[in-house]
Amino acid sequence: MMNSVTTGSSEVTTCRIMAPDDANIVGNVHGGTIMKMIELAGYVAAMRHLNSQQHHNKPPKVAITYRLEHMDFLQPMRIGDLAKLQ
């Protein structure tokens, strides 16, 4: 029987300052930039969770983003803003 895995062992926190390459000509960060950050943080959390009790002689399990149906951007992010994901 396997031990249960807590969500705390999969927790991810990442921060990034938004740069000019992340934004359009008026300084608003592209929604795709934010979505990519969210996807990468989710991937790290999923991989930690999937492989937390993995044996060393087995290949690691992998995770994918299957679909994102909806995302609301409540306010714009600007160049120089700090994005923090938890």
PDB file of N, CA and C in Angstrom:
ATOM      1  N   MET A   1       0.849  -1.187   0.000  1.00  0.00           N
ATOM      2  CA  MET A   1       0.000   0.000   0.000  1.00  0.00           C
ATOM      3  C   MET A   1       0.891   1.246   0.000  1.00  0.00           C
ATOM      4  N   MET A   2       0.560   2.201  -0.853  1.00  0.00           N
ATOM      5  CA  MET A   2       1.354   3.426  -0.947  1.00  0.00           C
ATOM      6  C   MET A   2       0.863   4.446   0.071  1.00  0.00           C
ATOM      7  N   ASN A   3       1.784   5.236   0.562  1.00  0.00           N
ATOM      8  CA  ASN A   3       1.422   6.326   1.454  1.00  0.00           C
ATOM      9  C   ASN A   3       0.750   7.422   0.648  1.00  0.00           C
ATOM     10  N   SER A   4      -0.157   8.140   1.273  1.00  0.00           N
ATOM     11  CA  SER A   4      -0.805   9.243   0.573  1.00  0.00           C
ATOM     12  C   SER A   4       0.174  10.410   0.437  1.00  0.00           C
ATOM     13  N   VAL A   5      -0.043  11.207  -0.589  1.00  0.00           N
ATOM     14  CA  VAL A   5       0.811  12.350  -0.872  1.00  0.00           C
ATOM     15  C   VAL A   5       0.052  13.611  -0.495  1.00  0.00           C
ATOM     16  N   THR A   6       0.690  14.487   0.253  1.00  0.00           N
ATOM     17  CA  THR A   6       0.036  15.735   0.630  1.00  0.00           C
ATOM     18  C   THR A   6       0.249  16.781  -0.444  1.00  0.00           C
ATOM     19  N   THR A   7      -0.651  17.743  -0.517  1.00  0.00           N
ATOM     20  CA  THR A   7      -0.504  18.811  -1.507  1.00  0.00           C
ATOM     21  C   THR A   7       0.687  19.699  -1.174  1.00  0.00           C
ATOM     22  N   GLY A   8       1.063  19.778   0.085  1.00  0.00           N
ATOM     23  CA  GLY A   8       2.209  20.590   0.482  1.00  0.00           C
ATOM     24  C   GLY A   8       3.504  20.138  -0.166  1.00  0.00           C
ATOM     25  N   SER A   9       3.626  18.850  -0.437  1.00  0.00           N
ATOM     26  CA  SER A   9       4.845  18.348  -1.069  1.00  0.00           C
ATOM     27  C   SER A   9       4.922  18.720  -2.550  1.00  0.00           C
ATOM     28  N   SER A  10       3.809  19.193  -3.103  1.00  0.00           N
ATOM     29  CA  SER A  10       3.766  19.584  -4.511  1.00  0.00           C
ATOM     30  C   SER A  10       3.687  21.096  -4.689  1.00  0.00           C
ATOM     31  N   GLU A  11       3.701  21.834  -3.600  1.00  0.00           N
ATOM     32  CA  GLU A  11       3.503  23.281  -3.662  1.00  0.00           C
ATOM     33  C   GLU A  11       4.615  23.971  -4.441  1.00  0.00           C
ATOM     34  N   VAL A  12       4.217  24.964  -5.233  1.00  0.00           N
ATOM     35  CA  VAL A  12       5.161  25.714  -6.061  1.00  0.00           C
ATOM     36  C   VAL A  12       4.918  27.204  -5.853  1.00  0.00           C
ATOM     37  N   THR A  13       5.985  27.962  -5.712  1.00  0.00           N
ATOM     38  CA  THR A  13       5.918  29.423  -5.706  1.00  0.00           C
ATOM     39  C   THR A  13       6.970  29.922  -6.686  1.00  0.00           C
ATOM     40  N   THR A  14       6.558  30.801  -7.567  1.00  0.00           N
ATOM     41  CA  THR A  14       7.492  31.382  -8.527  1.00  0.00           C
ATOM     42  C   THR A  14       7.186  32.868  -8.693  1.00  0.00           C
ATOM     43  N   CYS A  15       8.221  33.643  -8.909  1.00  0.00           N
ATOM     44  CA  CYS A  15       8.080  35.085  -9.104  1.00  0.00           C
ATOM     45  C   CYS A  15       8.859  35.501 -10.343  1.00  0.00           C
ATOM     46  N   ARG A  16       8.351  36.535 -10.993  1.00  0.00           N
ATOM     47  CA  ARG A  16       9.037  37.050 -12.175  1.00  0.00           C
ATOM     48  C   ARG A  16       8.648  38.504 -12.381  1.00  0.00           C
ATOM     49  N   ILE A  17       9.634  39.331 -12.681  1.00  0.00           N
ATOM     50  CA  ILE A  17       9.365  40.726 -13.025  1.00  0.00           C
ATOM     51  C   ILE A  17       9.082  40.786 -14.516  1.00  0.00           C
ATOM     52  N   MET A  18       7.985  41.410 -14.879  1.00  0.00           N
ATOM     53  CA  MET A  18       7.592  41.510 -16.271  1.00  0.00           C
ATOM     54  C   MET A  18       8.530  42.457 -17.030  1.00  0.00           C
ATOM     55  N   ALA A  19       9.032  41.992 -18.155  1.00  0.00           N
ATOM     56  CA  ALA A  19      10.034  42.715 -18.938  1.00  0.00           C
ATOM     57  C   ALA A  19       9.415  43.263 -20.229  1.00  0.00           C
ATOM     58  N   PRO A  20      10.109  44.163 -20.909  1.00  0.00           N
ATOM     59  CA  PRO A  20       9.593  44.707 -22.169  1.00  0.00           C
ATOM     60  C   PRO A  20       9.269  43.633 -23.215  1.00  0.00           C
ATOM     61  N   ASP A  21      10.026  42.545 -23.244  1.00  0.00           N
ATOM     62  CA  ASP A  21       9.740  41.467 -24.195  1.00  0.00           C
ATOM     63  C   ASP A  21       8.423  40.751 -23.899  1.00  0.00           C
ATOM     64  N   ASP A  22       7.885  40.916 -22.691  1.00  0.00           N
ATOM     65  CA  ASP A  22       6.637  40.272 -22.289  1.00  0.00           C
ATOM     66  C   ASP A  22       5.407  41.096 -22.660  1.00  0.00           C
ATOM     67  N   ALA A  23       5.610  42.301 -23.160  1.00  0.00           N
ATOM     68  CA  ALA A  23       4.505  43.249 -23.287  1.00  0.00           C
ATOM     69  C   ALA A  23       4.330  43.763 -24.714  1.00  0.00           C
ATOM     70  N   ASN A  24       3.171  44.384 -24.910  1.00  0.00           N
ATOM     71  CA  ASN A  24       2.917  45.035 -26.197  1.00  0.00           C
ATOM     72  C   ASN A  24       3.511  46.438 -26.187  1.00  0.00           C
ATOM     73  N   ILE A  25       3.248  47.194 -27.222  1.00  0.00           N
ATOM     74  CA  ILE A  25       3.878  48.505 -27.400  1.00  0.00           C
ATOM     75  C   ILE A  25       3.457  49.532 -26.337  1.00  0.00           C
ATOM     76  N   VAL A  26       2.295  49.344 -25.716  1.00  0.00           N
ATOM     77  CA  VAL A  26       1.856  50.285 -24.678  1.00  0.00           C
ATOM     78  C   VAL A  26       2.186  49.796 -23.263  1.00  0.00           C
ATOM     79  N   GLY A  27       2.910  48.660 -23.156  1.00  0.00           N
ATOM     80  CA  GLY A  27       3.393  48.205 -21.852  1.00  0.00           C
ATOM     81  C   GLY A  27       2.532  47.201 -21.130  1.00  0.00           C
ATOM     82  N   ASN A  28       1.437  46.749 -21.747  1.00  0.00           N
ATOM     83  CA  ASN A  28       0.600  45.723 -21.127  1.00  0.00           C
ATOM     84  C   ASN A  28       1.179  44.342 -21.437  1.00  0.00           C
ATOM     85  N   VAL A  29       1.321  43.520 -20.415  1.00  0.00           N
ATOM     86  CA  VAL A  29       1.873  42.178 -20.583  1.00  0.00           C
ATOM     87  C   VAL A  29       0.874  41.318 -21.355  1.00  0.00           C
ATOM     88  N   HIS A  30       1.393  40.557 -22.306  1.00  0.00           N
ATOM     89  CA  HIS A  30       0.553  39.660 -23.108  1.00  0.00           C
ATOM     90  C   HIS A  30      -0.084  38.588 -22.218  1.00  0.00           C
ATOM     91  N   GLY A  31      -1.348  38.303 -22.465  1.00  0.00           N
ATOM     92  CA  GLY A  31      -2.033  37.251 -21.723  1.00  0.00           C
ATOM     93  C   GLY A  31      -1.346  35.905 -21.861  1.00  0.00           C
ATOM     94  N   GLY A  32      -0.772  35.635 -23.033  1.00  0.00           N
ATOM     95  CA  GLY A  32      -0.067  34.370 -23.250  1.00  0.00           C
ATOM     96  C   GLY A  32       1.142  34.212 -22.350  1.00  0.00           C
ATOM     97  N   THR A  33       1.781  35.325 -22.011  1.00  0.00           N
ATOM     98  CA  THR A  33       2.924  35.282 -21.086  1.00  0.00           C
ATOM     99  C   THR A  33       2.462  34.816 -19.708  1.00  0.00           C
ATOM    100  N   ILE A  34       1.350  35.362 -19.257  1.00  0.00           N
ATOM    101  CA  ILE A  34       0.794  34.968 -17.948  1.00  0.00           C
ATOM    102  C   ILE A  34       0.338  33.511 -17.984  1.00  0.00           C
ATOM    103  N   MET A  35      -0.326  33.131 -19.063  1.00  0.00           N
ATOM    104  CA  MET A  35      -0.798  31.748 -19.190  1.00  0.00           C
ATOM    105  C   MET A  35       0.376  30.763 -19.176  1.00  0.00           C
ATOM    106  N   LYS A  36       1.467  31.111 -19.822  1.00  0.00           N
ATOM    107  CA  LYS A  36       2.637  30.237 -19.839  1.00  0.00           C
ATOM    108  C   LYS A  36       3.222  30.076 -18.440  1.00  0.00           C
ATOM    109  N   MET A  37       3.281  31.171 -17.679  1.00  0.00           N
ATOM    110  CA  MET A  37       3.775  31.080 -16.300  1.00  0.00           C
ATOM    111  C   MET A  37       2.900  30.143 -15.470  1.00  0.00           C
ATOM    112  N   ILE A  38       1.586  30.280 -15.622  1.00  0.00           N
ATOM    113  CA  ILE A  38       0.642  29.438 -14.880  1.00  0.00           C
ATOM    114  C   ILE A  38       0.818  27.976 -15.279  1.00  0.00           C
ATOM    115  N   GLU A  39       0.948  27.725 -16.571  1.00  0.00           N
ATOM    116  CA  GLU A  39       1.119  26.355 -17.049  1.00  0.00           C
ATOM    117  C   GLU A  39       2.403  25.725 -16.516  1.00  0.00           C
ATOM    118  N   LEU A  40       3.499  26.477 -16.534  1.00  0.00           N
ATOM    119  CA  LEU A  40       4.767  25.938 -16.030  1.00  0.00           C
ATOM    120  C   LEU A  40       4.710  25.644 -14.536  1.00  0.00           C
ATOM    121  N   ALA A  41       4.096  26.530 -13.761  1.00  0.00           N
ATOM    122  CA  ALA A  41       3.958  26.283 -12.320  1.00  0.00           C
ATOM    123  C   ALA A  41       3.084  25.052 -12.075  1.00  0.00           C
ATOM    124  N   GLY A  42       2.013  24.923 -12.841  1.00  0.00           N
ATOM    125  CA  GLY A  42       1.148  23.748 -12.716  1.00  0.00           C
ATOM    126  C   GLY A  42       1.872  22.471 -13.082  1.00  0.00           C
ATOM    127  N   TYR A  43       2.713  22.551 -14.109  1.00  0.00           N
ATOM    128  CA  TYR A  43       3.488  21.387 -14.535  1.00  0.00           C
ATOM    129  C   TYR A  43       4.451  20.947 -13.437  1.00  0.00           C
ATOM    130  N   VAL A  44       5.150  21.888 -12.829  1.00  0.00           N
ATOM    131  CA  VAL A  44       6.087  21.547 -11.751  1.00  0.00           C
ATOM    132  C   VAL A  44       5.342  20.900 -10.585  1.00  0.00           C
ATOM    133  N   ALA A  45       4.206  21.474 -10.204  1.00  0.00           N
ATOM    134  CA  ALA A  45       3.413  20.907  -9.102  1.00  0.00           C
ATOM    135  C   ALA A  45       2.941  19.497  -9.448  1.00  0.00           C
ATOM    136  N   ALA A  46       2.463  19.315 -10.673  1.00  0.00           N
ATOM    137  CA  ALA A  46       1.973  17.993 -11.089  1.00  0.00           C
ATOM    138  C   ALA A  46       3.105  16.965 -11.113  1.00  0.00           C
ATOM    139  N   MET A  47       4.265  17.352 -11.624  1.00  0.00           N
ATOM    140  CA  MET A  47       5.398  16.423 -11.673  1.00  0.00           C
ATOM    141  C   MET A  47       5.871  16.043 -10.269  1.00  0.00           C
ATOM    142  N   ARG A  48       5.889  17.016  -9.373  1.00  0.00           N
ATOM    143  CA  ARG A  48       6.267  16.700  -7.992  1.00  0.00           C
ATOM    144  C   ARG A  48       5.275  15.718  -7.387  1.00  0.00           C
ATOM    145  N   HIS A  49       4.003  15.955  -7.617  1.00  0.00           N
ATOM    146  CA  HIS A  49       2.965  15.094  -7.057  1.00  0.00           C
ATOM    147  C   HIS A  49       3.042  13.688  -7.658  1.00  0.00           C
ATOM    148  N   LEU A  50       3.143  13.620  -8.981  1.00  0.00           N
ATOM    149  CA  LEU A  50       3.165  12.322  -9.653  1.00  0.00           C
ATOM    150  C   LEU A  50       4.382  11.474  -9.267  1.00  0.00           C
ATOM    151  N   ASN A  51       5.503  12.125  -9.057  1.00  0.00           N
ATOM    152  CA  ASN A  51       6.756  11.389  -8.854  1.00  0.00           C
ATOM    153  C   ASN A  51       7.246  11.404  -7.419  1.00  0.00           C
ATOM    154  N   SER A  52       6.411  11.867  -6.490  1.00  0.00           N
ATOM    155  CA  SER A  52       6.857  11.972  -5.100  1.00  0.00           C
ATOM    156  C   SER A  52       7.147  10.616  -4.466  1.00  0.00           C
ATOM    157  N   GLN A  53       6.505   9.574  -4.947  1.00  0.00           N
ATOM    158  CA  GLN A  53       6.750   8.246  -4.381  1.00  0.00           C
ATOM    159  C   GLN A  53       7.263   7.280  -5.442  1.00  0.00           C
ATOM    160  N   GLN A  54       7.859   7.843  -6.471  1.00  0.00           N
ATOM    161  CA  GLN A  54       8.363   7.043  -7.582  1.00  0.00           C
ATOM    162  C   GLN A  54       9.635   6.314  -7.177  1.00  0.00           C
ATOM    163  N   HIS A  55       9.775   5.091  -7.610  1.00  0.00           N
ATOM    164  CA  HIS A  55      10.988   4.322  -7.359  1.00  0.00           C
ATOM    165  C   HIS A  55      12.052   4.735  -8.370  1.00  0.00           C
ATOM    166  N   HIS A  56      13.308   4.692  -7.964  1.00  0.00           N
ATOM    167  CA  HIS A  56      14.408   5.151  -8.809  1.00  0.00           C
ATOM    168  C   HIS A  56      14.603   4.304 -10.059  1.00  0.00           C
ATOM    169  N   ASN A  57      14.171   3.062 -10.047  1.00  0.00           N
ATOM    170  CA  ASN A  57      14.388   2.194 -11.206  1.00  0.00           C
ATOM    171  C   ASN A  57      13.272   2.303 -12.245  1.00  0.00           C
ATOM    172  N   LYS A  58      12.295   3.163 -12.017  1.00  0.00           N
ATOM    173  CA  LYS A  58      11.204   3.354 -12.977  1.00  0.00           C
ATOM    174  C   LYS A  58      11.340   4.725 -13.637  1.00  0.00           C
ATOM    175  N   PRO A  59      10.930   4.837 -14.901  1.00  0.00           N
ATOM    176  CA  PRO A  59      10.984   6.162 -15.541  1.00  0.00           C
ATOM    177  C   PRO A  59       9.993   7.114 -14.878  1.00  0.00           C
ATOM    178  N   PRO A  60      10.297   8.414 -14.867  1.00  0.00           N
ATOM    179  CA  PRO A  60       9.386   9.366 -14.231  1.00  0.00           C
ATOM    180  C   PRO A  60       8.064   9.455 -14.976  1.00  0.00           C
ATOM    181  N   LYS A  61       7.024   9.680 -14.229  1.00  0.00           N
ATOM    182  CA  LYS A  61       5.710   9.937 -14.827  1.00  0.00           C
ATOM    183  C   LYS A  61       5.702  11.376 -15.326  1.00  0.00           C
ATOM    184  N   VAL A  62       4.922  11.640 -16.352  1.00  0.00           N
ATOM    185  CA  VAL A  62       4.862  12.984 -16.916  1.00  0.00           C
ATOM    186  C   VAL A  62       3.439  13.512 -16.881  1.00  0.00           C
ATOM    187  N   ALA A  63       3.323  14.827 -16.975  1.00  0.00           N
ATOM    188  CA  ALA A  63       2.015  15.486 -16.977  1.00  0.00           C
ATOM    189  C   ALA A  63       1.937  16.396 -18.200  1.00  0.00           C
ATOM    190  N   ILE A  64       0.733  16.617 -18.674  1.00  0.00           N
ATOM    191  CA  ILE A  64       0.510  17.544 -19.782  1.00  0.00           C
ATOM    192  C   ILE A  64      -0.677  18.429 -19.458  1.00  0.00           C
ATOM    193  N   THR A  65      -0.750  19.565 -20.120  1.00  0.00           N
ATOM    194  CA  THR A  65      -1.956  20.384 -20.060  1.00  0.00           C
ATOM    195  C   THR A  65      -2.849  19.917 -21.199  1.00  0.00           C
ATOM    196  N   TYR A  66      -3.988  19.379 -20.859  1.00  0.00           N
ATOM    197  CA  TYR A  66      -4.904  18.859 -21.866  1.00  0.00           C
ATOM    198  C   TYR A  66      -5.735  19.971 -22.488  1.00  0.00           C
ATOM    199  N   ARG A  67      -6.270  20.838 -21.630  1.00  0.00           N
ATOM    200  CA  ARG A  67      -7.137  21.883 -22.139  1.00  0.00           C
ATOM    201  C   ARG A  67      -7.338  22.947 -21.072  1.00  0.00           C
ATOM    202  N   LEU A  68      -7.435  24.171 -21.512  1.00  0.00           N
ATOM    203  CA  LEU A  68      -7.823  25.284 -20.660  1.00  0.00           C
ATOM    204  C   LEU A  68      -9.040  25.923 -21.313  1.00  0.00           C
ATOM    205  N   GLU A  69     -10.166  25.827 -20.659  1.00  0.00           N
ATOM    206  CA  GLU A  69     -11.407  26.288 -21.273  1.00  0.00           C
ATOM    207  C   GLU A  69     -11.662  27.778 -21.096  1.00  0.00           C
ATOM    208  N   HIS A  70     -11.190  28.349 -19.999  1.00  0.00           N
ATOM    209  CA  HIS A  70     -11.543  29.745 -19.737  1.00  0.00           C
ATOM    210  C   HIS A  70     -10.552  30.358 -18.759  1.00  0.00           C
ATOM    211  N   MET A  71     -10.206  31.604 -19.002  1.00  0.00           N
ATOM    212  CA  MET A  71      -9.364  32.344 -18.069  1.00  0.00           C
ATOM    213  C   MET A  71      -9.791  33.802 -18.118  1.00  0.00           C
ATOM    214  N   ASP A  72      -9.991  34.394 -16.962  1.00  0.00           N
ATOM    215  CA  ASP A  72     -10.328  35.818 -16.867  1.00  0.00           C
ATOM    216  C   ASP A  72      -9.103  36.594 -16.415  1.00  0.00           C
ATOM    217  N   PHE A  73      -8.778  37.651 -17.126  1.00  0.00           N
ATOM    218  CA  PHE A  73      -7.723  38.570 -16.717  1.00  0.00           C
ATOM    219  C   PHE A  73      -8.418  39.771 -16.082  1.00  0.00           C
ATOM    220  N   LEU A  74      -8.310  39.900 -14.781  1.00  0.00           N
ATOM    221  CA  LEU A  74      -9.081  40.901 -14.043  1.00  0.00           C
ATOM    222  C   LEU A  74      -8.502  42.304 -14.134  1.00  0.00           C
ATOM    223  N   GLN A  75      -7.193  42.397 -14.301  1.00  0.00           N
ATOM    224  CA  GLN A  75      -6.568  43.706 -14.473  1.00  0.00           C
ATOM    225  C   GLN A  75      -5.258  43.514 -15.223  1.00  0.00           C
ATOM    226  N   PRO A  76      -4.809  44.533 -15.946  1.00  0.00           N
ATOM    227  CA  PRO A  76      -3.588  44.363 -16.728  1.00  0.00           C
ATOM    228  C   PRO A  76      -2.346  44.317 -15.851  1.00  0.00           C
ATOM    229  N   MET A  77      -1.356  43.588 -16.334  1.00  0.00           N
ATOM    230  CA  MET A  77      -0.013  43.642 -15.746  1.00  0.00           C
ATOM    231  C   MET A  77       0.813  44.512 -16.670  1.00  0.00           C
ATOM    232  N   ARG A  78       1.755  45.234 -16.090  1.00  0.00           N
ATOM    233  CA  ARG A  78       2.567  46.166 -16.858  1.00  0.00           C
ATOM    234  C   ARG A  78       4.042  45.800 -16.730  1.00  0.00           C
ATOM    235  N   ILE A  79       4.840  46.320 -17.626  1.00  0.00           N
ATOM    236  CA  ILE A  79       6.286  46.144 -17.538  1.00  0.00           C
ATOM    237  C   ILE A  79       6.743  46.623 -16.161  1.00  0.00           C
ATOM    238  N   GLY A  80       7.559  45.832 -15.494  1.00  0.00           N
ATOM    239  CA  GLY A  80       8.062  46.182 -14.166  1.00  0.00           C
ATOM    240  C   GLY A  80       7.242  45.592 -13.032  1.00  0.00           C
ATOM    241  N   ASP A  81       6.022  45.111 -13.314  1.00  0.00           N
ATOM    242  CA  ASP A  81       5.210  44.469 -12.282  1.00  0.00           C
ATOM    243  C   ASP A  81       5.817  43.120 -11.905  1.00  0.00           C
ATOM    244  N   LEU A  82       5.633  42.729 -10.654  1.00  0.00           N
ATOM    245  CA  LEU A  82       6.088  41.436 -10.177  1.00  0.00           C
ATOM    246  C   LEU A  82       4.928  40.470 -10.211  1.00  0.00           C
ATOM    247  N   ALA A  83       5.080  39.383 -10.956  1.00  0.00           N
ATOM    248  CA  ALA A  83       4.084  38.326 -10.990  1.00  0.00           C
ATOM    249  C   ALA A  83       4.516  37.249  -9.998  1.00  0.00           C
ATOM    250  N   LYS A  84       3.630  36.894  -9.089  1.00  0.00           N
ATOM    251  CA  LYS A  84       3.919  35.857  -8.106  1.00  0.00           C
ATOM    252  C   LYS A  84       2.827  34.803  -8.191  1.00  0.00           C
ATOM    253  N   LEU A  85       3.221  33.570  -8.416  1.00  0.00           N
ATOM    254  CA  LEU A  85       2.292  32.458  -8.502  1.00  0.00           C
ATOM    255  C   LEU A  85       2.534  31.521  -7.336  1.00  0.00           C
ATOM    256  N   GLN A  86       1.457  31.106  -6.684  1.00  0.00           N
ATOM    257  CA  GLN A  86       1.544  30.129  -5.590  1.00  0.00           C
ATOM    258  C   GLN A  86       0.521  29.059  -5.806  1.00  0.00           C
TER     259      GLN A  86
END
